[in-house]
Amino acid sequence: MEHISFISTSTIHLPPTDQDQFSSKIELTPCDLQLLLVDYIQKGLLFHKPKPERNFVEHLNNTLSRTLEIFYPLAGRLVMVKNAAHDETASFFIDCNNAGALFSHAISDHITVDDILKPVYVPDDVIYSFFPLNNVLNFEGVSKPLLAVQVTELVDGIFIGCTMNHCVVDGSSFWHFFNTWSQISRSSIDVDYPPSFPVFGREYLNGIFDLPFQIPFSYNKVCDQFIPPPLKQRVFHFSKQKIAQIKAKANDTSSNKSISSLQALLAHLWISITRNRRLNADEEVSYTLLVGLRQRIKPPLPENYLGNAVLFGTARCTAGELLQGGLGFAALQINKMIGSLTEEDKVMIFLEDWAKNLEVRKKNGGFMQSTTKLATGSSHRFDVYGNDFGWGKPLAVRSGPGNKSDGKLTVFEGKEDGSIDFEACLSPETLEAMASDAEFMENI
């Protein structure tokens, strides 16, 4: 934290205008509960400093408070309910008790915008200092805020770092909140007329999950925090033109001609990272994606549903098969995996069976702690660069330390129309080898 100095920290509470909402509760579903033992979502945006100088920190605090009136569950806390049968199972819900969200103001008198954007590798120690609630697991939302925001003033810019409990929101809900906040900030619209209201009701999941949902959970069995090996990050930018070329090649060399742009890019990265990890040909490699469910269940969930509506899907093969098969083969494996979660009837059956054998994912478990695995979260469809708070669009998006491991690739929309960025978290050796990989770098 030597990069910044804190000016103030406060708790934002909602005005006591509607006592009924403060006593309401929202049950967590299996899609939410699977994330109890991983970190909060952490994403942030870099901006030029507003000109002329204005009290933008107070403005952000005030507009955040107004946004919370719309997303009022984020001012609550989690509650664990132990099963009376004493079988070490429990359920969780959001208590909309207005315990409050955290707002911090920090300053750095020596870090500039260029210090963040110019280096080849992401300056992790700097970026991570811009986020609150680092290394907090989601189940700790029973006592810690579900939402925390840190506004850090730089020499010539500001960074707005946002941390949200991942059991309460997924990426779609996270950016819905950010988009709503920025629109209120730049237009000073009345809080009663937001861009779109979030939907909190769990009635849409009736017939799929029985709530409250009991899972095996005990505080005494929570594992120690996982300490990852040394990692580096680099943002790989793919222009609209390069994406079209990679997509065309993937479809030309695949038996399936419906490979999407994202699937082609994922395959391109999977091949290069596997090649530069120098794995044995018989080692199994995998690529795990978060697949959105809002439009994949019957009836579809509202697009503005607040909660997790994602499943983990994984494509697998051996390193030898991947490298020998090439781009078309790799893209086809990803395409088939996503396709298996597209047919509504199959998805409903899968969800019902999956809930009976729910796996609570752990940071220090086998998931993602391997040099043979990759995982991609977020989406290039989320509106990142439309978040104009009233002084211009963002210069860049970066993520905090939450859930980082060797092989975590976070996808964002690019700043230019039609472009896509990947924030790649890998071992230093792999990233350095990729920089010398002409076949990969010619498409950057």
Protein backbone atom coordinates (compact mmCIF):
# COMPACT_ATOMS: atom_id res chain seq x y z
CA MET A 1 0.00 0.00 0.00
CA GLU A 2 3.03 2.28 -0.14
CA HIS A 3 1.82 3.53 -3.53
CA ILE A 4 -1.17 5.39 -2.07
CA SER A 5 -2.31 7.36 0.96
CA PHE A 6 -5.87 7.16 2.23
CA ILE A 7 -7.71 10.45 2.67
CA SER A 8 -11.03 9.14 3.98
CA THR A 9 -13.16 6.04 4.36
CA SER A 10 -16.89 6.08 5.03
CA THR A 11 -19.90 3.78 5.03
CA ILE A 12 -22.77 4.66 2.71
CA HIS A 13 -26.23 3.88 4.05
CA LEU A 14 -29.54 4.21 2.27
CA PRO A 15 -32.05 6.80 3.43
CA PRO A 16 -34.74 5.21 5.65
CA THR A 17 -37.52 5.82 3.14
CA ASP A 18 -38.73 2.25 2.77
CA GLN A 19 -38.40 0.11 5.86
CA ASP A 20 -39.98 -2.86 4.10
CA GLN A 21 -37.06 -3.31 1.71
CA PHE A 22 -34.58 -3.18 4.61
CA SER A 23 -36.26 -6.20 6.20
CA SER A 24 -36.40 -8.23 2.99
CA LYS A 25 -34.13 -11.15 2.20
CA ILE A 26 -32.94 -12.76 -1.02
CA GLU A 27 -31.97 -16.43 -1.01
CA LEU A 28 -28.69 -17.48 -2.63
CA THR A 29 -29.05 -20.11 -5.36
CA PRO A 30 -26.66 -22.97 -6.19
CA CYS A 31 -25.12 -20.75 -8.89
CA ASP A 32 -24.31 -18.23 -6.14
CA LEU A 33 -23.28 -20.72 -3.47
CA GLN A 34 -20.65 -22.45 -5.62
CA LEU A 35 -18.55 -19.29 -5.20
CA LEU A 36 -18.55 -19.04 -1.38
CA LEU A 37 -14.86 -19.89 -1.08
CA VAL A 38 -13.43 -17.69 -3.83
CA ASP A 39 -12.70 -13.96 -3.92
CA TYR A 40 -14.95 -11.00 -4.60
CA ILE A 41 -15.19 -9.62 -8.18
CA GLN A 42 -12.74 -6.73 -8.63
CA LYS A 43 -12.78 -4.51 -11.71
CA GLY A 44 -11.81 -0.88 -12.12
CA LEU A 45 -11.61 1.91 -14.66
CA LEU A 46 -8.86 4.44 -15.38
CA PHE A 47 -9.77 8.00 -16.43
CA HIS A 48 -8.06 11.28 -17.13
CA LYS A 49 -8.54 13.65 -14.22
CA PRO A 50 -11.63 15.87 -14.71
CA LYS A 51 -10.95 19.35 -16.08
CA PRO A 52 -11.55 21.90 -14.80
CA GLU A 53 -10.90 20.51 -11.33
CA ARG A 54 -14.18 19.75 -9.60
CA ASN A 55 -15.12 17.98 -6.42
CA PHE A 56 -15.54 14.73 -8.30
CA VAL A 57 -14.92 12.58 -5.20
CA GLU A 58 -17.93 14.06 -3.41
CA HIS A 59 -19.92 13.77 -6.64
CA LEU A 60 -19.01 10.07 -6.97
CA ASN A 61 -19.94 9.46 -3.34
CA ASN A 62 -23.33 11.12 -3.79
CA THR A 63 -24.16 9.34 -7.04
CA LEU A 64 -23.01 6.02 -5.63
CA SER A 65 -25.50 6.52 -2.79
CA ARG A 66 -28.27 7.15 -5.33
CA THR A 67 -27.26 4.05 -7.30
CA LEU A 68 -27.42 1.98 -4.11
CA GLU A 69 -31.04 2.99 -3.69
CA ILE A 70 -31.69 1.04 -6.89
CA PHE A 71 -29.34 -1.85 -6.07
CA TYR A 72 -30.24 -1.86 -2.37
CA PRO A 73 -29.25 -5.51 -1.65
CA LEU A 74 -25.61 -4.45 -2.12
CA ALA A 75 -25.94 -2.40 1.07
CA GLY A 76 -26.80 -5.56 3.01
CA ARG A 77 -24.89 -8.54 4.38
CA LEU A 78 -24.94 -12.30 3.95
CA VAL A 79 -26.56 -14.48 6.61
CA MET A 80 -25.75 -18.16 7.14
CA VAL A 81 -28.52 -20.42 8.44
CA LYS A 82 -27.29 -23.71 9.87
CA ASN A 83 -29.38 -26.79 9.21
CA ALA A 84 -31.17 -27.90 12.36
CA ALA A 85 -30.28 -31.51 11.55
CA HIS A 86 -26.67 -30.85 12.70
CA ASP A 87 -25.27 -32.34 9.50
CA GLU A 88 -22.88 -29.44 8.82
CA THR A 89 -25.01 -28.08 6.03
CA ALA A 90 -26.23 -24.51 5.76
CA SER A 91 -28.05 -22.09 3.51
CA PHE A 92 -27.24 -18.43 2.87
CA PHE A 93 -29.32 -15.38 2.04
CA ILE A 94 -28.80 -11.65 1.52
CA ASP A 95 -30.17 -9.66 4.41
CA CYS A 96 -31.16 -6.26 2.98
CA ASN A 97 -30.46 -4.64 6.35
CA ASN A 98 -28.78 -1.45 5.11
CA ALA A 99 -25.55 -2.24 6.94
CA GLY A 100 -23.92 -0.15 4.23
CA ALA A 101 -21.33 -0.10 1.44
CA LEU A 102 -17.74 1.07 1.81
CA PHE A 103 -16.42 4.18 0.05
CA SER A 104 -12.73 5.13 0.22
CA HIS A 105 -10.82 8.09 -1.17
CA ALA A 106 -7.07 7.66 -1.73
CA ILE A 107 -4.36 9.64 -3.44
CA SER A 108 -1.04 8.96 -5.12
CA ASP A 109 1.16 11.98 -5.78
CA HIS A 110 3.65 10.13 -8.00
CA ILE A 111 1.71 7.65 -10.19
CA THR A 112 0.61 8.88 -13.62
CA VAL A 113 -1.70 7.48 -16.27
CA ASP A 114 1.33 6.52 -18.36
CA ASP A 115 2.74 4.53 -15.43
CA ILE A 116 -0.28 2.26 -15.83
CA LEU A 117 -0.69 2.20 -19.61
CA LYS A 118 2.88 2.25 -20.94
CA PRO A 119 4.54 -0.83 -19.37
CA VAL A 120 4.40 -4.08 -21.35
CA TYR A 121 3.40 -5.94 -18.19
CA VAL A 122 0.63 -4.74 -15.90
CA PRO A 123 2.16 -3.06 -12.81
CA ASP A 124 0.29 -5.38 -10.45
CA ASP A 125 1.57 -3.91 -7.20
CA VAL A 126 0.26 -0.50 -8.25
CA ILE A 127 -3.06 -1.68 -9.69
CA TYR A 128 -3.86 -3.92 -6.72
CA SER A 129 -3.44 -0.98 -4.32
CA PHE A 130 -6.38 0.68 -6.10
CA PHE A 131 -8.87 -1.95 -4.89
CA PRO A 132 -10.57 -2.42 -1.51
CA LEU A 133 -11.24 -5.75 0.23
CA ASN A 134 -8.32 -7.61 -1.30
CA ASN A 135 -8.10 -11.32 -0.44
CA VAL A 136 -11.58 -11.41 1.08
CA LEU A 137 -13.59 -14.56 0.37
CA ASN A 138 -17.27 -14.35 -0.49
CA PHE A 139 -18.55 -16.13 2.62
CA GLU A 140 -17.00 -13.30 4.65
CA GLY A 141 -19.86 -11.16 3.42
CA VAL A 142 -21.62 -12.18 6.63
CA SER A 143 -19.62 -9.40 8.31
CA LYS A 144 -17.92 -7.43 5.52
CA PRO A 145 -19.55 -5.11 2.97
CA LEU A 146 -20.97 -6.69 -0.17
CA LEU A 147 -19.83 -3.62 -2.12
CA ALA A 148 -16.72 -1.50 -1.67
CA VAL A 149 -15.49 1.32 -3.91
CA GLN A 150 -12.11 3.06 -3.87
CA VAL A 151 -11.49 6.29 -5.79
CA THR A 152 -7.75 6.91 -6.18
CA GLU A 153 -6.47 10.25 -7.43
CA LEU A 154 -3.35 10.03 -9.59
CA VAL A 155 -1.12 12.86 -10.79
CA ASP A 156 -3.14 13.25 -13.99
CA GLY A 157 -5.94 10.72 -13.65
CA ILE A 158 -8.29 8.83 -11.37
CA PHE A 159 -8.96 5.14 -10.92
CA ILE A 160 -12.35 3.86 -9.74
CA GLY A 161 -11.89 0.40 -8.26
CA CYS A 162 -15.03 -1.58 -7.48
CA THR A 163 -15.19 -4.77 -5.40
CA MET A 164 -18.43 -6.79 -5.14
CA ASN A 165 -19.31 -10.05 -3.48
CA HIS A 166 -19.32 -12.74 -6.17
CA CYS A 167 -22.08 -14.71 -4.42
CA VAL A 168 -24.35 -11.70 -4.94
CA VAL A 169 -23.42 -10.66 -8.49
CA ASP A 170 -21.92 -12.18 -11.60
CA GLY A 171 -20.16 -10.20 -14.32
CA SER A 172 -23.42 -9.19 -15.97
CA SER A 173 -24.82 -7.81 -12.68
CA PHE A 174 -21.49 -6.15 -11.85
CA TRP A 175 -21.39 -4.14 -15.07
CA HIS A 176 -25.13 -3.39 -14.86
CA PHE A 177 -24.36 -1.66 -11.55
CA PHE A 178 -21.34 0.17 -12.99
CA ASN A 179 -23.30 1.27 -16.08
CA THR A 180 -26.18 2.55 -13.95
CA TRP A 181 -23.85 4.47 -11.62
CA SER A 182 -22.00 6.14 -14.50
CA GLN A 183 -25.25 7.16 -16.21
CA ILE A 184 -26.60 8.70 -13.01
CA SER A 185 -23.26 10.46 -12.49
CA ARG A 186 -23.03 12.02 -15.95
CA SER A 187 -26.68 12.96 -16.39
CA SER A 188 -27.86 13.57 -12.83
CA ILE A 189 -31.05 11.69 -13.68
CA ASP A 190 -33.61 11.13 -10.99
CA VAL A 191 -33.04 7.92 -9.04
CA ASP A 192 -36.59 6.77 -9.84
CA TYR A 193 -35.73 6.49 -13.53
CA PRO A 194 -32.54 4.47 -13.91
CA PRO A 195 -31.41 3.05 -17.25
CA SER A 196 -32.92 -0.30 -16.25
CA PHE A 197 -34.03 -1.73 -12.93
CA PRO A 198 -32.31 -4.83 -11.54
CA VAL A 199 -34.50 -7.85 -10.89
CA PHE A 200 -34.05 -9.51 -7.49
CA GLY A 201 -36.80 -12.15 -7.48
CA ARG A 202 -35.91 -15.83 -7.32
CA GLU A 203 -39.33 -16.94 -8.54
CA TYR A 204 -37.84 -17.31 -12.02
CA LEU A 205 -35.92 -20.33 -10.72
CA ASN A 206 -38.98 -22.16 -9.37
CA GLY A 207 -38.96 -25.74 -10.56
CA ILE A 208 -35.19 -25.71 -11.03
CA PHE A 209 -33.89 -25.17 -7.48
CA ASP A 210 -35.65 -25.56 -4.16
CA LEU A 211 -34.79 -22.58 -1.95
CA PRO A 212 -33.33 -22.17 0.60
CA PHE A 213 -30.66 -24.48 -0.79
CA GLN A 214 -28.59 -26.48 1.72
CA ILE A 215 -24.89 -27.11 1.07
CA PRO A 216 -22.12 -28.69 3.18
CA PHE A 217 -20.41 -25.77 4.92
CA SER A 218 -18.56 -25.19 8.16
CA TYR A 219 -16.38 -22.26 9.17
CA ASN A 220 -14.06 -24.74 10.88
CA LYS A 221 -13.31 -26.44 7.55
CA VAL A 222 -12.54 -23.35 5.48
CA CYS A 223 -9.06 -23.84 4.03
CA ASP A 224 -6.20 -21.41 4.55
CA GLN A 225 -5.75 -18.70 1.95
CA PHE A 226 -4.06 -19.88 -1.22
CA ILE A 227 -0.79 -18.11 -2.00
CA PRO A 228 -0.16 -18.28 -5.76
CA PRO A 229 3.30 -18.64 -7.27
CA PRO A 230 4.92 -15.56 -8.85
CA LEU A 231 2.74 -14.42 -11.72
CA LYS A 232 2.74 -11.63 -14.27
CA GLN A 233 -0.01 -10.04 -16.33
CA ARG A 234 -0.12 -8.64 -19.81
CA VAL A 235 -3.01 -7.20 -21.81
CA PHE A 236 -3.20 -8.64 -25.32
CA HIS A 237 -5.16 -6.44 -27.73
CA PHE A 238 -6.83 -7.88 -30.82
CA SER A 239 -8.07 -5.42 -33.43
CA LYS A 240 -11.29 -5.95 -35.37
CA GLN A 241 -9.25 -6.80 -38.47
CA LYS A 242 -7.05 -9.36 -36.70
CA ILE A 243 -10.10 -10.97 -35.10
CA ALA A 244 -11.72 -11.38 -38.51
CA GLN A 245 -8.57 -13.06 -39.86
CA ILE A 246 -8.32 -15.48 -36.92
CA LYS A 247 -12.03 -16.30 -37.17
CA ALA A 248 -11.77 -16.97 -40.91
CA LYS A 249 -8.80 -19.29 -40.38
CA ALA A 250 -10.59 -21.17 -37.59
CA ASN A 251 -13.65 -21.77 -39.76
CA ASP A 252 -11.56 -22.70 -42.81
CA THR A 253 -9.72 -25.38 -40.82
CA SER A 254 -12.66 -26.74 -38.82
CA SER A 255 -15.37 -29.22 -39.76
CA ASN A 256 -17.82 -26.78 -38.13
CA LYS A 257 -18.21 -23.52 -40.02
CA SER A 258 -20.02 -21.68 -37.19
CA ILE A 259 -16.98 -20.81 -35.06
CA SER A 260 -17.55 -17.40 -33.45
CA SER A 261 -14.99 -14.61 -33.15
CA LEU A 262 -14.57 -15.22 -29.42
CA GLN A 263 -14.22 -18.98 -29.84
CA ALA A 264 -11.51 -18.42 -32.45
CA LEU A 265 -9.60 -16.04 -30.15
CA LEU A 266 -9.88 -18.44 -27.20
CA ALA A 267 -8.51 -21.22 -29.39
CA HIS A 268 -5.66 -19.00 -30.59
CA LEU A 269 -4.67 -18.23 -26.99
CA TRP A 270 -5.10 -21.85 -25.86
CA ILE A 271 -2.67 -23.06 -28.52
CA SER A 272 -0.02 -20.41 -27.90
CA ILE A 273 -0.08 -20.74 -24.12
CA THR A 274 0.07 -24.53 -24.32
CA ARG A 275 2.96 -24.36 -26.79
CA ASN A 276 4.89 -21.92 -24.62
CA ARG A 277 4.25 -23.87 -21.43
CA ARG A 278 6.26 -26.65 -23.10
CA LEU A 279 4.03 -29.47 -21.87
CA ASN A 280 4.43 -33.14 -22.66
CA ALA A 281 2.30 -34.30 -25.58
CA ASP A 282 0.32 -36.75 -23.43
CA GLU A 283 -0.61 -34.23 -20.72
CA GLU A 284 -4.28 -33.31 -20.56
CA VAL A 285 -4.99 -29.62 -21.09
CA SER A 286 -8.27 -27.89 -20.43
CA TYR A 287 -10.01 -24.58 -21.03
CA THR A 288 -12.81 -23.60 -18.63
CA LEU A 289 -15.31 -20.89 -19.56
CA LEU A 290 -18.10 -19.23 -17.64
CA VAL A 291 -21.18 -19.78 -19.78
CA GLY A 292 -24.12 -17.43 -19.27
CA LEU A 293 -27.51 -18.97 -18.45
CA ARG A 294 -29.90 -16.02 -18.66
CA GLN A 295 -31.14 -17.01 -22.10
CA ARG A 296 -30.42 -20.72 -21.78
CA ILE A 297 -33.10 -21.74 -19.27
CA LYS A 298 -36.88 -21.98 -19.64
CA PRO A 299 -38.38 -19.47 -19.23
CA PRO A 300 -35.37 -17.19 -19.76
CA LEU A 301 -34.15 -15.09 -16.84
CA PRO A 302 -34.54 -11.32 -17.16
CA GLU A 303 -31.39 -9.79 -18.59
CA ASN A 304 -31.18 -7.56 -15.48
CA TYR A 305 -31.49 -10.41 -12.99
CA LEU A 306 -29.20 -9.61 -10.02
CA GLY A 307 -27.28 -12.73 -9.10
CA ASN A 308 -25.18 -15.43 -10.65
CA ALA A 309 -26.56 -17.03 -13.79
CA VAL A 310 -23.47 -18.83 -15.05
CA LEU A 311 -22.11 -22.35 -15.23
CA PHE A 312 -18.57 -23.59 -15.73
CA GLY A 313 -18.00 -25.51 -18.94
CA THR A 314 -14.69 -27.18 -19.78
CA ALA A 315 -13.12 -28.33 -23.06
CA ARG A 316 -10.40 -31.00 -22.75
CA CYS A 317 -7.84 -32.78 -24.90
CA THR A 318 -4.14 -33.64 -24.72
CA ALA A 319 -1.43 -31.08 -25.42
CA GLY A 320 -0.33 -33.13 -28.42
CA GLU A 321 -3.83 -33.24 -29.89
CA LEU A 322 -4.23 -29.50 -29.41
CA LEU A 323 -0.93 -28.50 -31.02
CA GLN A 324 -1.19 -31.00 -33.86
CA GLY A 325 -4.86 -30.22 -34.55
CA GLY A 326 -4.26 -26.49 -34.74
CA LEU A 327 -6.67 -23.57 -34.63
CA GLY A 328 -9.67 -25.29 -36.24
CA PHE A 329 -9.43 -28.29 -33.90
CA ALA A 330 -9.05 -26.13 -30.77
CA ALA A 331 -11.95 -23.87 -31.74
CA LEU A 332 -14.13 -26.91 -32.44
CA GLN A 333 -13.54 -28.31 -28.93
CA ILE A 334 -14.64 -24.99 -27.40
CA ASN A 335 -17.58 -24.73 -29.81
CA LYS A 336 -18.82 -28.23 -28.89
CA MET A 337 -18.57 -27.54 -25.16
CA ILE A 338 -20.59 -24.33 -25.45
CA GLY A 339 -23.05 -26.07 -27.75
CA SER A 340 -23.69 -28.73 -25.12
CA LEU A 341 -24.98 -25.95 -22.85
CA THR A 342 -27.14 -24.29 -25.49
CA GLU A 343 -30.10 -26.62 -25.99
CA GLU A 344 -32.72 -25.61 -23.41
CA ASP A 345 -33.90 -29.13 -22.51
CA LYS A 346 -30.34 -30.34 -21.95
CA VAL A 347 -29.53 -27.28 -19.87
CA MET A 348 -32.51 -27.82 -17.58
CA ILE A 349 -31.59 -31.47 -17.02
CA PHE A 350 -27.96 -30.51 -16.47
CA LEU A 351 -28.89 -27.84 -13.90
CA GLU A 352 -31.08 -30.16 -11.89
CA ASP A 353 -28.40 -32.86 -11.78
CA TRP A 354 -25.61 -30.35 -11.12
CA ALA A 355 -27.43 -28.88 -8.12
CA LYS A 356 -27.64 -32.32 -6.51
CA ASN A 357 -23.84 -32.61 -6.64
CA LEU A 358 -22.89 -28.99 -6.15
CA GLU A 359 -19.15 -28.30 -5.90
CA VAL A 360 -18.11 -25.28 -3.85
CA ARG A 361 -15.02 -24.08 -5.66
CA LYS A 362 -11.89 -23.33 -3.65
CA LYS A 363 -8.95 -21.07 -4.39
CA ASN A 364 -6.52 -23.62 -3.01
CA GLY A 365 -8.23 -26.64 -4.49
CA GLY A 366 -7.42 -28.38 -7.76
CA PHE A 367 -9.45 -25.90 -9.83
CA MET A 368 -7.11 -23.60 -11.73
CA GLN A 369 -4.03 -24.52 -9.69
CA SER A 370 -2.24 -26.25 -12.53
CA THR A 371 0.02 -25.31 -15.42
CA THR A 372 -2.16 -27.31 -17.80
CA LYS A 373 -5.36 -25.32 -17.31
CA LEU A 374 -6.83 -22.07 -18.59
CA ALA A 375 -10.00 -20.27 -17.57
CA THR A 376 -11.75 -17.23 -18.98
CA GLY A 377 -14.25 -15.09 -17.14
CA SER A 378 -16.10 -11.88 -17.97
CA SER A 379 -17.35 -11.10 -21.48
CA HIS A 380 -16.43 -8.89 -24.41
CA ARG A 381 -20.11 -7.94 -24.58
CA PHE A 382 -20.09 -6.08 -21.25
CA ASP A 383 -20.24 -2.32 -21.67
CA VAL A 384 -16.92 -1.17 -20.21
CA TYR A 385 -16.01 1.89 -22.26
CA GLY A 386 -19.49 3.38 -22.13
CA ASN A 387 -18.96 4.21 -18.45
CA ASP A 388 -18.64 7.96 -18.80
CA PHE A 389 -19.13 9.53 -15.34
CA GLY A 390 -19.29 13.03 -16.81
CA TRP A 391 -15.68 13.73 -17.76
CA GLY A 392 -15.04 11.34 -20.63
CA LYS A 393 -14.84 7.66 -21.36
CA PRO A 394 -12.39 5.32 -19.60
CA LEU A 395 -8.83 4.97 -20.83
CA ALA A 396 -8.50 1.37 -19.67
CA VAL A 397 -10.00 -1.36 -17.54
CA ARG A 398 -8.01 -3.45 -15.07
CA SER A 399 -8.89 -6.12 -12.53
CA GLY A 400 -7.81 -6.57 -8.93
CA PRO A 401 -5.99 -9.50 -7.33
CA GLY A 402 -9.15 -11.52 -6.73
CA ASN A 403 -9.10 -15.09 -8.08
CA LYS A 404 -5.85 -14.67 -9.97
CA SER A 405 -3.91 -17.82 -10.83
CA ASP A 406 -1.68 -19.19 -13.57
CA GLY A 407 -3.96 -19.42 -16.58
CA LYS A 408 -6.65 -16.86 -15.72
CA LEU A 409 -7.57 -14.91 -18.87
CA THR A 410 -10.08 -12.10 -18.39
CA VAL A 411 -11.81 -10.86 -21.53
CA PHE A 412 -13.01 -7.28 -22.05
CA GLU A 413 -14.32 -5.27 -24.96
CA GLY A 414 -11.53 -3.29 -26.55
CA LYS A 415 -11.44 0.47 -26.63
CA GLU A 416 -11.78 0.57 -30.43
CA ASP A 417 -15.00 -0.62 -32.02
CA GLY A 418 -14.99 -4.38 -32.60
CA SER A 419 -11.72 -5.01 -30.78
CA ILE A 420 -11.23 -7.40 -27.84
CA ASP A 421 -8.69 -7.40 -25.01
CA PHE A 422 -7.47 -10.28 -22.87
CA GLU A 423 -5.84 -9.64 -19.51
CA ALA A 424 -3.61 -12.72 -19.25
CA CYS A 425 -2.32 -13.86 -15.86
CA LEU A 426 0.47 -16.41 -16.39
CA SER A 427 3.88 -17.42 -15.14
CA PRO A 428 6.65 -14.98 -16.09
CA GLU A 429 8.33 -17.74 -18.13
CA THR A 430 5.20 -18.37 -20.22
CA LEU A 431 4.56 -14.70 -20.90
CA GLU A 432 8.16 -14.11 -21.91
CA ALA A 433 8.06 -17.11 -24.24
CA MET A 434 4.83 -15.84 -25.82
CA ALA A 435 6.50 -12.49 -26.51
CA SER A 436 8.99 -14.40 -28.69
CA ASP A 437 6.30 -16.51 -30.35
CA ALA A 438 6.04 -14.95 -33.82
CA GLU A 439 3.01 -17.04 -34.76
CA PHE A 440 1.09 -15.58 -31.82
CA MET A 441 2.45 -12.03 -31.75
CA GLU A 442 1.80 -11.34 -35.43
CA ASN A 443 -1.89 -11.24 -34.56
CA ILE A 444 -1.51 -8.72 -31.71
